[in-house]
Protein backbone atom coordinates (compact mmCIF):
# COMPACT_ATOMS: atom_id res chain seq x y z
CA MET A 1 -94.50 -7.83 66.90
CA THR A 2 -96.98 -6.60 64.30
CA ARG A 3 -97.73 -2.96 63.76
CA ARG A 4 -101.38 -2.12 63.49
CA ALA A 5 -102.34 0.84 61.37
CA LYS A 6 -104.65 3.23 63.14
CA ARG A 7 -107.86 3.65 61.21
CA ALA A 8 -108.81 7.26 60.57
CA GLN A 9 -111.82 8.18 62.67
CA SER A 10 -114.44 9.52 60.30
CA PRO A 11 -116.39 12.67 61.19
CA CYS A 12 -119.54 11.01 59.78
CA VAL A 13 -122.56 11.20 62.11
CA ASP A 14 -124.93 9.18 59.86
CA VAL A 15 -126.82 12.23 58.59
CA CYS A 16 -125.85 11.78 54.96
CA ARG A 17 -127.62 14.53 53.06
CA LEU A 18 -125.91 17.20 50.99
CA ASP A 19 -126.95 20.82 51.21
CA PRO A 20 -128.03 21.79 47.68
CA ARG A 21 -126.56 25.29 47.97
CA THR A 22 -123.11 24.50 49.38
CA GLY A 23 -122.63 20.82 48.52
CA TRP A 24 -121.67 20.15 52.15
CA CYS A 25 -123.06 17.20 54.11
CA LEU A 26 -125.59 18.39 56.69
CA GLY A 27 -124.16 15.95 59.24
CA CYS A 28 -120.40 16.28 58.96
CA GLY A 29 -119.83 19.25 56.64
CA ARG A 30 -117.75 17.39 54.06
CA THR A 31 -118.29 17.48 50.31
CA ALA A 32 -118.91 14.25 48.38
CA ALA A 33 -115.30 14.36 47.12
CA GLU A 34 -113.94 14.83 50.66
CA ILE A 35 -116.04 11.93 51.92
CA GLY A 36 -114.63 9.70 49.17
CA ALA A 37 -111.04 10.79 49.81
CA TRP A 38 -111.17 10.66 53.63
CA ALA A 39 -109.43 7.28 54.07
CA LYS A 40 -106.53 8.34 51.84
CA LEU A 41 -105.84 11.72 53.47
CA THR A 42 -102.67 12.17 55.46
CA PRO A 43 -103.14 12.87 59.19
CA PHE A 44 -102.10 16.50 58.56
CA ARG A 45 -104.70 17.03 55.82
CA ARG A 46 -107.35 15.22 57.85
CA LYS A 47 -106.76 17.50 60.84
CA ARG A 48 -106.83 20.60 58.65
CA LEU A 49 -110.13 19.47 57.10
CA GLU A 50 -111.61 18.75 60.54
CA ARG A 51 -110.96 22.36 61.56
CA GLU A 52 -112.66 23.58 58.38
CA LEU A 53 -115.64 21.27 58.99
CA ALA A 54 -116.36 22.99 62.30
CA ARG A 55 -116.61 26.34 60.46
CA ARG A 56 -118.81 24.86 57.76
CA LEU A 57 -121.24 23.34 60.25
CA VAL A 58 -121.64 26.72 61.93
CA LYS A 59 -122.45 28.26 58.53
CA LEU A 60 -124.89 25.46 57.73
CA GLY A 61 -126.67 26.10 61.01
CA SER A 62 -127.28 29.70 60.07
CA HIS A 63 -129.44 28.80 57.07
CA SER A 64 -132.08 26.12 56.69
CA PRO A 65 -131.35 23.81 53.73
CA LEU A 66 -135.05 23.03 53.45
CA GLU A 67 -135.69 26.63 52.37
CA ASP A 68 -133.96 25.80 49.08
CA GLU A 69 -136.28 22.89 48.21
């Protein structure tokens, strides 16, 4: 029997634009470095980052990134 590795579900929602003030993606809340490292994160680190992303998205919603342009 072969073991299949579970692929990490990405938080990406296809809104790939970084906020110029914070560096966070407006869709998922990750930084460019976090997006690049996502596939290599351990399940523990991925879960911890997912909790942080929820906080970031709330903060992003409280300010309009277009105001900075």
